Amino acid sequence: MKQLSFSDAEYGGKRKRTRREVFLAEMDRAVPWAKLEGLVEPHYPKAGGGRPPYLLPTMLRIHCLQQWYRLSDPAIEEQLYEIASMRQFAGLSLAQGSVPDETTILNFRHLLERHSLGKKLFEAVEAHLQDAGLLLRQGTIVDATIIAAPSSTKNNTGERDPEMHQTKKGKQWYFGMKAHVGTDAESGLVHSVIGTAANVADVTQAHDLLHGEETVAFGDAGYTGAAARPEAREDVLWHVAMKPGERRAHGMSAYDRLRERIEKLKAQVRARGEHVFRVVKRQFGYVKVRYRGLAKNTAQMHMLFALANIWMAR
């Protein structure tokens, strides 16, 4: 039996479960931990003659906590000391040794980046959902969202991140990157993720977001012309939204009313692709990139969308 610290014993005796505790309990059951740990284990340092490393399940769970609560490496270390529910989720106890410091947590993230494990973890979750029959793979919704990046030049280099760019959406300018996703048209779960600079046109990434088995694809007006591109597949039927100017020109004839009805039906399908953005941006709070460079931020996006899929499918 594990020895409990005073704080752990006090935590165990309370009656009310907080929203954080309910969320962590659901994710503890839903995440396929064994599959994810199996991907990281070959690259994780083994116990040698020096100080033994923290258990892999603990470090992977801490990494997930960072994604869910948008915490930096120093912030998650402090939260683990302060919040008992987070310590319990990570398998830590103040009476059983120390909490990993921010450098240990940083090194674990670098290990994931060095071996491109973010994408592999995302694919493992996708395969897990496919085995559960939640990804039907007959239709894909393609969409993209802008993730802001710091535009300030008050840093060591005196310049903005050179891999990020600005783009105009409507009448507003944005600086950062884009998360392009391919979403299953039936379940709304993401099966493809691509990170680019914000000024990359959505339509250029459309075909790379298809998994190859779908027969129909949906996109908003930003994907106009996708079916005519050189890389387009002949076996995919594209349903792309009409441009706003054309839609506003609709009259009241029977033909125009029919076209308007078709646009609304297409919009209802595309709406399923927006749900994952709500989870990632509003629930997980990922509205601004944390790192410099596309590679690091794309690796984080793979993990975020994998966890968002699990949350939506739980």
C-alpha atoms as a PDB file:
ATOM      1  CA  MET A   1       0.000   0.000   0.000  1.00  0.00           C
ATOM      2  CA  LYS A   2       1.349   3.405  -0.972  1.00  0.00           C
ATOM      3  CA  GLN A   3       2.060   5.872   1.801  1.00  0.00           C
ATOM      4  CA  LEU A   4      -0.127   8.981   1.496  1.00  0.00           C
ATOM      5  CA  SER A   5       1.029  12.497   2.231  1.00  0.00           C
ATOM      6  CA  PHE A   6      -1.155  14.711   4.389  1.00  0.00           C
ATOM      7  CA  SER A   7      -2.373  16.603   1.297  1.00  0.00           C
ATOM      8  CA  ASP A   8      -3.220  13.348  -0.530  1.00  0.00           C
ATOM      9  CA  ALA A   9      -5.086  12.005   2.501  1.00  0.00           C
ATOM     10  CA  GLU A  10      -7.025  15.248   2.850  1.00  0.00           C
ATOM     11  CA  TYR A  11      -7.830  15.173  -0.885  1.00  0.00           C
ATOM     12  CA  GLY A  12      -9.082  11.590  -0.651  1.00  0.00           C
ATOM     13  CA  GLY A  13     -11.504  12.487   2.126  1.00  0.00           C
ATOM     14  CA  LYS A  14     -13.396  15.253   0.352  1.00  0.00           C
ATOM     15  CA  ARG A  15     -16.922  14.693  -0.943  1.00  0.00           C
ATOM     16  CA  LYS A  16     -17.471  16.865  -4.015  1.00  0.00           C
ATOM     17  CA  ARG A  17     -15.862  16.032  -7.383  1.00  0.00           C
ATOM     18  CA  THR A  18     -14.739  19.076  -9.324  1.00  0.00           C
ATOM     19  CA  ARG A  19     -15.135  19.504 -13.070  1.00  0.00           C
ATOM     20  CA  ARG A  20     -11.412  18.908 -13.449  1.00  0.00           C
ATOM     21  CA  GLU A  21     -11.681  15.591 -11.621  1.00  0.00           C
ATOM     22  CA  VAL A  22     -14.620  14.488 -13.762  1.00  0.00           C
ATOM     23  CA  PHE A  23     -12.769  15.455 -16.957  1.00  0.00           C
ATOM     24  CA  LEU A  24      -9.563  13.663 -15.945  1.00  0.00           C
ATOM     25  CA  ALA A  25     -11.482  10.542 -14.905  1.00  0.00           C
ATOM     26  CA  GLU A  26     -13.198  10.412 -18.307  1.00  0.00           C
ATOM     27  CA  MET A  27      -9.922  10.870 -20.191  1.00  0.00           C
ATOM     28  CA  ASP A  28      -8.202   8.309 -17.982  1.00  0.00           C
ATOM     29  CA  ARG A  29     -10.756   5.753 -19.177  1.00  0.00           C
ATOM     30  CA  ALA A  30     -10.923   6.890 -22.817  1.00  0.00           C
ATOM     31  CA  VAL A  31      -7.262   7.340 -23.813  1.00  0.00           C
ATOM     32  CA  PRO A  32      -5.618   4.120 -25.114  1.00  0.00           C
ATOM     33  CA  TRP A  33      -2.629   4.553 -22.830  1.00  0.00           C
ATOM     34  CA  ALA A  34      -1.027   1.182 -23.545  1.00  0.00           C
ATOM     35  CA  LYS A  35      -0.895   1.859 -27.310  1.00  0.00           C
ATOM     36  CA  LEU A  36       0.572   5.329 -26.864  1.00  0.00           C
ATOM     37  CA  GLU A  37       3.132   4.194 -24.307  1.00  0.00           C
ATOM     38  CA  GLY A  38       4.167   1.380 -26.650  1.00  0.00           C
ATOM     39  CA  LEU A  39       5.118   3.918 -29.331  1.00  0.00           C
ATOM     40  CA  VAL A  40       7.225   6.027 -26.965  1.00  0.00           C
ATOM     41  CA  GLU A  41       8.823   3.200 -24.971  1.00  0.00           C
ATOM     42  CA  PRO A  42      11.529   2.213 -27.539  1.00  0.00           C
ATOM     43  CA  HIS A  43      12.874   5.791 -27.447  1.00  0.00           C
ATOM     44  CA  TYR A  44      12.471   6.433 -23.713  1.00  0.00           C
ATOM     45  CA  PRO A  45      15.674   6.310 -21.609  1.00  0.00           C
ATOM     46  CA  LYS A  46      16.189   3.141 -19.595  1.00  0.00           C
ATOM     47  CA  ALA A  47      17.327   2.967 -15.986  1.00  0.00           C
ATOM     48  CA  GLY A  48      21.116   2.922 -15.791  1.00  0.00           C
ATOM     49  CA  GLY A  49      23.693   3.500 -13.128  1.00  0.00           C
ATOM     50  CA  GLY A  50      22.524   7.017 -12.312  1.00  0.00           C
ATOM     51  CA  ARG A  51      19.236   8.462 -11.197  1.00  0.00           C
ATOM     52  CA  PRO A  52      16.377   6.364 -12.636  1.00  0.00           C
ATOM     53  CA  PRO A  53      14.057   8.218 -15.042  1.00  0.00           C
ATOM     54  CA  TYR A  54      10.457   8.927 -14.124  1.00  0.00           C
ATOM     55  CA  LEU A  55       7.994   6.281 -15.262  1.00  0.00           C
ATOM     56  CA  LEU A  56       6.918   6.666 -18.887  1.00  0.00           C
ATOM     57  CA  PRO A  57       3.170   6.609 -18.036  1.00  0.00           C
ATOM     58  CA  THR A  58       3.739   9.523 -15.666  1.00  0.00           C
ATOM     59  CA  MET A  59       5.580  11.635 -18.238  1.00  0.00           C
ATOM     60  CA  LEU A  60       3.039  10.906 -20.981  1.00  0.00           C
ATOM     61  CA  ARG A  61       0.177  11.880 -18.702  1.00  0.00           C
ATOM     62  CA  ILE A  62       1.960  15.098 -17.718  1.00  0.00           C
ATOM     63  CA  HIS A  63       2.385  15.878 -21.424  1.00  0.00           C
ATOM     64  CA  CYS A  64      -1.360  15.396 -21.937  1.00  0.00           C
ATOM     65  CA  LEU A  65      -2.125  17.651 -18.975  1.00  0.00           C
ATOM     66  CA  GLN A  66      -0.094  20.370 -20.655  1.00  0.00           C
ATOM     67  CA  GLN A  67      -2.236  20.123 -23.789  1.00  0.00           C
ATOM     68  CA  TRP A  68      -5.564  20.102 -21.948  1.00  0.00           C
ATOM     69  CA  TYR A  69      -4.735  23.061 -19.702  1.00  0.00           C
ATOM     70  CA  ARG A  70      -2.359  25.043 -22.013  1.00  0.00           C
ATOM     71  CA  LEU A  71       0.476  24.922 -19.481  1.00  0.00           C
ATOM     72  CA  SER A  72       4.141  25.689 -20.081  1.00  0.00           C
ATOM     73  CA  ASP A  73       6.861  23.471 -18.629  1.00  0.00           C
ATOM     74  CA  PRO A  74       7.371  25.634 -15.485  1.00  0.00           C
ATOM     75  CA  ALA A  75       3.596  26.041 -15.059  1.00  0.00           C
ATOM     76  CA  ILE A  76       2.818  22.319 -15.142  1.00  0.00           C
ATOM     77  CA  GLU A  77       5.532  21.669 -12.552  1.00  0.00           C
ATOM     78  CA  GLU A  78       3.915  24.181 -10.197  1.00  0.00           C
ATOM     79  CA  GLN A  79       0.423  22.836 -10.859  1.00  0.00           C
ATOM     80  CA  LEU A  80       1.537  19.308 -10.013  1.00  0.00           C
ATOM     81  CA  TYR A  81       2.743  20.530  -6.632  1.00  0.00           C
ATOM     82  CA  GLU A  82      -0.426  22.522  -5.974  1.00  0.00           C
ATOM     83  CA  ILE A  83      -3.284  20.446  -7.433  1.00  0.00           C
ATOM     84  CA  ALA A  84      -3.870  16.983  -6.003  1.00  0.00           C
ATOM     85  CA  SER A  85      -6.146  15.803  -8.834  1.00  0.00           C
ATOM     86  CA  MET A  86      -3.369  16.413 -11.375  1.00  0.00           C
ATOM     87  CA  ARG A  87      -0.833  14.545  -9.228  1.00  0.00           C
ATOM     88  CA  GLN A  88      -3.235  11.636  -8.867  1.00  0.00           C
ATOM     89  CA  PHE A  89      -3.879  11.532 -12.626  1.00  0.00           C
ATOM     90  CA  ALA A  90      -0.110  11.480 -13.310  1.00  0.00           C
ATOM     91  CA  GLY A  91       0.492   8.781 -10.687  1.00  0.00           C
ATOM     92  CA  LEU A  92       2.529  11.043  -8.406  1.00  0.00           C
ATOM     93  CA  SER A  93       2.488  11.508  -4.643  1.00  0.00           C
ATOM     94  CA  LEU A  94       4.377  14.072  -2.579  1.00  0.00           C
ATOM     95  CA  ALA A  95       5.121  11.304  -0.088  1.00  0.00           C
ATOM     96  CA  GLN A  96       6.670   9.090  -2.783  1.00  0.00           C
ATOM     97  CA  GLY A  97       9.510  11.198  -4.155  1.00  0.00           C
ATOM     98  CA  SER A  98       9.509  14.451  -6.080  1.00  0.00           C
ATOM     99  CA  VAL A  99       7.546  15.922  -8.962  1.00  0.00           C
ATOM    100  CA  PRO A 100       9.417  16.106 -12.326  1.00  0.00           C
ATOM    101  CA  ASP A 101      11.034  19.519 -12.736  1.00  0.00           C
ATOM    102  CA  GLU A 102      10.505  21.724 -15.778  1.00  0.00           C
ATOM    103  CA  THR A 103      13.741  20.535 -17.434  1.00  0.00           C
ATOM    104  CA  THR A 104      12.645  16.889 -17.225  1.00  0.00           C
ATOM    105  CA  ILE A 105       9.283  17.832 -18.731  1.00  0.00           C
ATOM    106  CA  LEU A 106      11.026  19.844 -21.471  1.00  0.00           C
ATOM    107  CA  ASN A 107      13.320  16.908 -22.294  1.00  0.00           C
ATOM    108  CA  PHE A 108      10.327  14.587 -22.677  1.00  0.00           C
ATOM    109  CA  ARG A 109       8.707  16.965 -25.171  1.00  0.00           C
ATOM    110  CA  HIS A 110      12.007  17.215 -27.077  1.00  0.00           C
ATOM    111  CA  LEU A 111      12.145  13.413 -27.184  1.00  0.00           C
ATOM    112  CA  LEU A 112       8.694  13.327 -28.816  1.00  0.00           C
ATOM    113  CA  GLU A 113       9.752  15.994 -31.330  1.00  0.00           C
ATOM    114  CA  ARG A 114      13.111  14.377 -32.111  1.00  0.00           C
ATOM    115  CA  HIS A 115      11.502  11.068 -33.071  1.00  0.00           C
ATOM    116  CA  SER A 116       8.405  12.597 -34.765  1.00  0.00           C
ATOM    117  CA  LEU A 117       6.221  10.830 -32.221  1.00  0.00           C
ATOM    118  CA  GLY A 118       3.486  13.479 -32.235  1.00  0.00           C
ATOM    119  CA  LYS A 119       2.230  12.328 -35.629  1.00  0.00           C
ATOM    120  CA  LYS A 120       2.647   8.659 -34.687  1.00  0.00           C
ATOM    121  CA  LEU A 121       0.595   9.154 -31.530  1.00  0.00           C
ATOM    122  CA  PHE A 122      -2.099  10.876 -33.593  1.00  0.00           C
ATOM    123  CA  GLU A 123      -2.128   7.945 -36.041  1.00  0.00           C
ATOM    124  CA  ALA A 124      -2.336   5.461 -33.159  1.00  0.00           C
ATOM    125  CA  VAL A 125      -5.430   7.234 -31.826  1.00  0.00           C
ATOM    126  CA  GLU A 126      -6.895   7.275 -35.346  1.00  0.00           C
ATOM    127  CA  ALA A 127      -6.332   3.514 -35.657  1.00  0.00           C
ATOM    128  CA  HIS A 128      -7.900   2.990 -32.227  1.00  0.00           C
ATOM    129  CA  LEU A 129     -11.017   4.897 -33.287  1.00  0.00           C
ATOM    130  CA  GLN A 130     -11.090   3.039 -36.606  1.00  0.00           C
ATOM    131  CA  ASP A 131     -11.019  -0.300 -34.778  1.00  0.00           C
ATOM    132  CA  ALA A 132     -13.926   0.915 -32.661  1.00  0.00           C
ATOM    133  CA  GLY A 133     -15.932   1.608 -35.817  1.00  0.00           C
ATOM    134  CA  LEU A 134     -16.052   5.378 -35.263  1.00  0.00           C
ATOM    135  CA  LEU A 135     -14.301   6.400 -38.518  1.00  0.00           C
ATOM    136  CA  LEU A 136     -16.372   5.360 -41.533  1.00  0.00           C
ATOM    137  CA  ARG A 137     -13.945   6.782 -44.142  1.00  0.00           C
ATOM    138  CA  GLN A 138     -16.537   7.330 -46.893  1.00  0.00           C
ATOM    139  CA  GLY A 139     -16.552  11.125 -46.838  1.00  0.00           C
ATOM    140  CA  THR A 140     -14.155  13.871 -45.750  1.00  0.00           C
ATOM    141  CA  ILE A 141     -14.690  17.481 -44.698  1.00  0.00           C
ATOM    142  CA  VAL A 142     -11.645  19.689 -45.279  1.00  0.00           C
ATOM    143  CA  ASP A 143     -11.230  22.891 -43.319  1.00  0.00           C
ATOM    144  CA  ALA A 144      -8.581  25.159 -41.822  1.00  0.00           C
ATOM    145  CA  THR A 145      -8.268  27.547 -38.909  1.00  0.00           C
ATOM    146  CA  ILE A 146      -5.738  30.266 -38.144  1.00  0.00           C
ATOM    147  CA  ILE A 147      -3.621  29.938 -34.992  1.00  0.00           C
ATOM    148  CA  ALA A 148      -2.135  33.267 -33.946  1.00  0.00           C
ATOM    149  CA  ALA A 149       1.575  33.738 -33.273  1.00  0.00           C
ATOM    150  CA  PRO A 150       3.257  36.547 -31.297  1.00  0.00           C
ATOM    151  CA  SER A 151       3.853  39.479 -33.633  1.00  0.00           C
ATOM    152  CA  SER A 152       6.135  41.279 -31.202  1.00  0.00           C
ATOM    153  CA  THR A 153       9.851  41.646 -32.029  1.00  0.00           C
ATOM    154  CA  LYS A 154      10.829  42.070 -28.370  1.00  0.00           C
ATOM    155  CA  ASN A 155      12.821  38.847 -28.174  1.00  0.00           C
ATOM    156  CA  ASN A 156      16.403  37.607 -28.391  1.00  0.00           C
ATOM    157  CA  THR A 157      16.503  37.744 -32.204  1.00  0.00           C
ATOM    158  CA  GLY A 158      14.639  41.031 -32.544  1.00  0.00           C
ATOM    159  CA  GLU A 159      12.324  39.632 -35.224  1.00  0.00           C
ATOM    160  CA  ARG A 160       9.088  37.749 -35.636  1.00  0.00           C
ATOM    161  CA  ASP A 161       9.103  34.020 -36.254  1.00  0.00           C
ATOM    162  CA  PRO A 162      10.266  33.759 -39.913  1.00  0.00           C
ATOM    163  CA  GLU A 163       8.178  30.617 -40.500  1.00  0.00           C
ATOM    164  CA  MET A 164       4.945  32.406 -39.580  1.00  0.00           C
ATOM    165  CA  HIS A 165       3.221  34.799 -41.979  1.00  0.00           C
ATOM    166  CA  GLN A 166       0.312  37.195 -42.063  1.00  0.00           C
ATOM    167  CA  THR A 167      -2.896  36.754 -43.980  1.00  0.00           C
ATOM    168  CA  LYS A 168      -6.123  38.671 -44.429  1.00  0.00           C
ATOM    169  CA  LYS A 169      -9.478  37.134 -43.564  1.00  0.00           C
ATOM    170  CA  GLY A 170     -12.397  39.381 -44.312  1.00  0.00           C
ATOM    171  CA  LYS A 171     -11.178  42.818 -43.300  1.00  0.00           C
ATOM    172  CA  GLN A 172      -8.915  41.578 -40.502  1.00  0.00           C
ATOM    173  CA  TRP A 173      -5.199  40.755 -40.721  1.00  0.00           C
ATOM    174  CA  TYR A 174      -3.783  37.789 -38.791  1.00  0.00           C
ATOM    175  CA  PHE A 175      -0.203  36.668 -38.131  1.00  0.00           C
ATOM    176  CA  GLY A 176       0.584  33.043 -37.414  1.00  0.00           C
ATOM    177  CA  MET A 177       0.010  29.603 -38.907  1.00  0.00           C
ATOM    178  CA  LYS A 178      -2.855  27.472 -40.187  1.00  0.00           C
ATOM    179  CA  ALA A 179      -4.083  24.121 -38.971  1.00  0.00           C
ATOM    180  CA  HIS A 180      -5.504  22.247 -41.986  1.00  0.00           C
ATOM    181  CA  VAL A 181      -7.603  19.221 -41.050  1.00  0.00           C
ATOM    182  CA  GLY A 182      -9.447  16.442 -42.806  1.00  0.00           C
ATOM    183  CA  THR A 183     -12.495  15.326 -40.815  1.00  0.00           C
ATOM    184  CA  ASP A 184     -14.696  12.265 -41.159  1.00  0.00           C
ATOM    185  CA  ALA A 185     -18.035  13.455 -42.566  1.00  0.00           C
ATOM    186  CA  GLU A 186     -20.068  11.075 -40.393  1.00  0.00           C
ATOM    187  CA  SER A 187     -18.403  11.281 -36.975  1.00  0.00           C
ATOM    188  CA  GLY A 188     -16.654  14.666 -37.132  1.00  0.00           C
ATOM    189  CA  LEU A 189     -13.378  13.049 -35.992  1.00  0.00           C
ATOM    190  CA  VAL A 190     -10.107  14.278 -37.514  1.00  0.00           C
ATOM    191  CA  HIS A 191      -8.028  11.858 -39.597  1.00  0.00           C
ATOM    192  CA  SER A 192      -5.491  14.264 -41.177  1.00  0.00           C
ATOM    193  CA  VAL A 193      -3.582  17.293 -39.855  1.00  0.00           C
ATOM    194  CA  ILE A 194      -1.206  19.635 -41.725  1.00  0.00           C
ATOM    195  CA  GLY A 195       0.464  22.767 -40.344  1.00  0.00           C
ATOM    196  CA  THR A 196       1.469  25.615 -42.667  1.00  0.00           C
ATOM    197  CA  ALA A 197       2.113  29.335 -42.527  1.00  0.00           C
ATOM    198  CA  ALA A 198      -1.079  31.397 -42.367  1.00  0.00           C
ATOM    199  CA  ASN A 199      -0.709  32.736 -45.921  1.00  0.00           C
ATOM    200  CA  VAL A 200      -0.911  29.289 -47.549  1.00  0.00           C
ATOM    201  CA  ALA A 201      -4.164  28.957 -49.509  1.00  0.00           C
ATOM    202  CA  ASP A 202      -6.555  26.311 -48.151  1.00  0.00           C
ATOM    203  CA  VAL A 203      -7.148  24.729 -51.565  1.00  0.00           C
ATOM    204  CA  THR A 204      -3.456  23.851 -51.994  1.00  0.00           C
ATOM    205  CA  GLN A 205      -3.660  21.419 -49.051  1.00  0.00           C
ATOM    206  CA  ALA A 206      -7.058  19.933 -49.879  1.00  0.00           C
ATOM    207  CA  HIS A 207      -5.908  16.721 -51.531  1.00  0.00           C
ATOM    208  CA  ASP A 208      -3.227  15.992 -48.926  1.00  0.00           C
ATOM    209  CA  LEU A 209      -6.015  15.961 -46.317  1.00  0.00           C
ATOM    210  CA  LEU A 210      -7.833  13.075 -48.020  1.00  0.00           C
ATOM    211  CA  HIS A 211      -7.058   9.587 -46.721  1.00  0.00           C
ATOM    212  CA  GLY A 212      -7.627   7.878 -50.081  1.00  0.00           C
ATOM    213  CA  GLU A 213     -10.743   5.830 -49.371  1.00  0.00           C
ATOM    214  CA  GLU A 214     -13.428   8.521 -49.500  1.00  0.00           C
ATOM    215  CA  THR A 215     -15.741   9.010 -52.461  1.00  0.00           C
ATOM    216  CA  VAL A 216     -17.006  12.476 -51.522  1.00  0.00           C
ATOM    217  CA  ALA A 217     -15.389  15.602 -50.036  1.00  0.00           C
ATOM    218  CA  PHE A 218     -16.826  18.822 -48.630  1.00  0.00           C
ATOM    219  CA  GLY A 219     -15.231  22.244 -48.265  1.00  0.00           C
ATOM    220  CA  ASP A 220     -16.097  25.901 -47.837  1.00  0.00           C
ATOM    221  CA  ALA A 221     -15.603  28.550 -50.527  1.00  0.00           C
ATOM    222  CA  GLY A 222     -11.852  28.582 -49.847  1.00  0.00           C
ATOM    223  CA  TYR A 223     -11.637  25.237 -51.666  1.00  0.00           C
ATOM    224  CA  THR A 224     -13.170  26.499 -54.912  1.00  0.00           C
ATOM    225  CA  GLY A 225     -11.425  24.782 -57.808  1.00  0.00           C
ATOM    226  CA  ALA A 226     -10.206  21.805 -55.760  1.00  0.00           C
ATOM    227  CA  ALA A 227     -11.672  19.311 -58.248  1.00  0.00           C
ATOM    228  CA  ALA A 228      -9.818  20.957 -61.146  1.00  0.00           C
ATOM    229  CA  ARG A 229      -6.333  20.923 -59.611  1.00  0.00           C
ATOM    230  CA  PRO A 230      -3.668  18.670 -61.201  1.00  0.00           C
ATOM    231  CA  GLU A 231      -3.450  16.447 -58.129  1.00  0.00           C
ATOM    232  CA  ALA A 232      -7.238  15.948 -57.932  1.00  0.00           C
ATOM    233  CA  ARG A 233      -8.558  12.392 -57.812  1.00  0.00           C
ATOM    234  CA  GLU A 234     -11.216  11.476 -60.353  1.00  0.00           C
ATOM    235  CA  ASP A 235     -13.010   9.147 -57.935  1.00  0.00           C
ATOM    236  CA  VAL A 236     -13.794  11.929 -55.418  1.00  0.00           C
ATOM    237  CA  LEU A 237     -16.889  14.089 -55.853  1.00  0.00           C
ATOM    238  CA  TRP A 238     -16.320  17.563 -54.408  1.00  0.00           C
ATOM    239  CA  HIS A 239     -19.132  19.595 -52.799  1.00  0.00           C
ATOM    240  CA  VAL A 240     -17.676  23.085 -52.322  1.00  0.00           C
ATOM    241  CA  ALA A 241     -19.650  26.002 -50.929  1.00  0.00           C
ATOM    242  CA  MET A 242     -20.691  28.762 -53.289  1.00  0.00           C
ATOM    243  CA  LYS A 243     -18.793  32.031 -52.911  1.00  0.00           C
ATOM    244  CA  PRO A 244     -20.657  34.586 -50.745  1.00  0.00           C
ATOM    245  CA  GLY A 245     -21.057  37.055 -53.624  1.00  0.00           C
ATOM    246  CA  GLU A 246     -22.735  34.468 -55.834  1.00  0.00           C
ATOM    247  CA  ARG A 247     -24.988  33.365 -53.005  1.00  0.00           C
ATOM    248  CA  ARG A 248     -26.118  36.918 -52.290  1.00  0.00           C
ATOM    249  CA  ALA A 249     -27.124  37.245 -55.951  1.00  0.00           C
ATOM    250  CA  HIS A 250     -29.759  34.524 -55.593  1.00  0.00           C
ATOM    251  CA  GLY A 251     -33.240  35.660 -56.554  1.00  0.00           C
ATOM    252  CA  MET A 252     -36.640  34.247 -55.650  1.00  0.00           C
ATOM    253  CA  SER A 253     -37.127  31.904 -58.588  1.00  0.00           C
ATOM    254  CA  ALA A 254     -37.710  28.207 -57.996  1.00  0.00           C
ATOM    255  CA  TYR A 255     -34.236  27.445 -59.353  1.00  0.00           C
ATOM    256  CA  ASP A 256     -32.584  29.978 -57.020  1.00  0.00           C
ATOM    257  CA  ARG A 257     -34.500  28.625 -54.013  1.00  0.00           C
ATOM    258  CA  LEU A 258     -33.349  25.115 -54.909  1.00  0.00           C
ATOM    259  CA  ARG A 259     -29.731  26.245 -55.117  1.00  0.00           C
ATOM    260  CA  GLU A 260     -30.071  27.971 -51.731  1.00  0.00           C
ATOM    261  CA  ARG A 261     -31.462  24.770 -50.236  1.00  0.00           C
ATOM    262  CA  ILE A 262     -28.502  22.809 -51.616  1.00  0.00           C
ATOM    263  CA  GLU A 263     -26.074  25.309 -50.047  1.00  0.00           C
ATOM    264  CA  LYS A 264     -27.755  24.910 -46.662  1.00  0.00           C
ATOM    265  CA  LEU A 265     -27.506  21.124 -46.895  1.00  0.00           C
ATOM    266  CA  LYS A 266     -23.801  21.358 -47.701  1.00  0.00           C
ATOM    267  CA  ALA A 267     -23.315  23.754 -44.773  1.00  0.00           C
ATOM    268  CA  GLN A 268     -25.002  21.287 -42.407  1.00  0.00           C
ATOM    269  CA  VAL A 269     -22.449  18.635 -43.351  1.00  0.00           C
ATOM    270  CA  ARG A 270     -19.500  21.032 -43.092  1.00  0.00           C
ATOM    271  CA  ALA A 271     -20.641  22.104 -39.622  1.00  0.00           C
ATOM    272  CA  ARG A 272     -19.479  18.726 -38.257  1.00  0.00           C
ATOM    273  CA  GLY A 273     -15.939  19.686 -39.206  1.00  0.00           C
ATOM    274  CA  GLU A 274     -16.113  22.788 -36.994  1.00  0.00           C
ATOM    275  CA  HIS A 275     -16.742  20.885 -33.758  1.00  0.00           C
ATOM    276  CA  VAL A 276     -13.127  19.828 -33.306  1.00  0.00           C
ATOM    277  CA  PHE A 277     -11.972  23.449 -33.622  1.00  0.00           C
ATOM    278  CA  ARG A 278     -14.292  24.343 -30.741  1.00  0.00           C
ATOM    279  CA  VAL A 279     -12.722  21.646 -28.571  1.00  0.00           C
ATOM    280  CA  VAL A 280      -9.128  22.585 -29.419  1.00  0.00           C
ATOM    281  CA  LYS A 281      -9.575  26.361 -29.293  1.00  0.00           C
ATOM    282  CA  ARG A 282     -12.223  26.870 -26.624  1.00  0.00           C
ATOM    283  CA  GLN A 283     -11.989  23.846 -24.359  1.00  0.00           C
ATOM    284  CA  PHE A 284      -8.231  23.264 -24.573  1.00  0.00           C
ATOM    285  CA  GLY A 285      -7.518  26.986 -25.063  1.00  0.00           C
ATOM    286  CA  TYR A 286      -5.169  26.584 -28.033  1.00  0.00           C
ATOM    287  CA  VAL A 287      -5.593  29.987 -29.686  1.00  0.00           C
ATOM    288  CA  LYS A 288      -1.924  31.006 -29.893  1.00  0.00           C
ATOM    289  CA  VAL A 289       1.185  28.986 -30.764  1.00  0.00           C
ATOM    290  CA  ARG A 290       3.568  28.282 -27.884  1.00  0.00           C
ATOM    291  CA  TYR A 291       6.790  27.615 -29.802  1.00  0.00           C
ATOM    292  CA  ARG A 292       8.802  29.076 -32.656  1.00  0.00           C
ATOM    293  CA  GLY A 293       8.799  27.243 -35.978  1.00  0.00           C
ATOM    294  CA  LEU A 294       6.224  25.161 -37.814  1.00  0.00           C
ATOM    295  CA  ALA A 295       7.670  21.769 -36.889  1.00  0.00           C
ATOM    296  CA  LYS A 296       7.290  22.140 -33.108  1.00  0.00           C
ATOM    297  CA  ASN A 297       3.841  23.673 -33.351  1.00  0.00           C
ATOM    298  CA  THR A 298       2.629  21.072 -35.863  1.00  0.00           C
ATOM    299  CA  ALA A 299       3.838  18.325 -33.507  1.00  0.00           C
ATOM    300  CA  GLN A 300       1.769  19.890 -30.734  1.00  0.00           C
ATOM    301  CA  MET A 301      -1.242  20.171 -33.042  1.00  0.00           C
ATOM    302  CA  HIS A 302      -1.090  16.442 -33.802  1.00  0.00           C
ATOM    303  CA  MET A 303      -1.288  15.728 -30.073  1.00  0.00           C
ATOM    304  CA  LEU A 304      -4.069  18.277 -29.532  1.00  0.00           C
ATOM    305  CA  PHE A 305      -6.265  16.889 -32.311  1.00  0.00           C
ATOM    306  CA  ALA A 306      -5.624  13.316 -31.153  1.00  0.00           C
ATOM    307  CA  LEU A 307      -6.822  14.239 -27.662  1.00  0.00           C
ATOM    308  CA  ALA A 308      -9.745  16.203 -29.102  1.00  0.00           C
ATOM    309  CA  ASN A 309     -10.801  13.100 -31.076  1.00  0.00           C
ATOM    310  CA  ILE A 310     -10.741  11.036 -27.893  1.00  0.00           C
ATOM    311  CA  TRP A 311     -12.753  13.648 -26.019  1.00  0.00           C
ATOM    312  CA  MET A 312     -15.422  13.819 -28.731  1.00  0.00           C
ATOM    313  CA  ALA A 313     -15.633  10.023 -29.097  1.00  0.00           C
ATOM    314  CA  ARG A 314     -15.480   9.153 -25.403  1.00  0.00           C
END
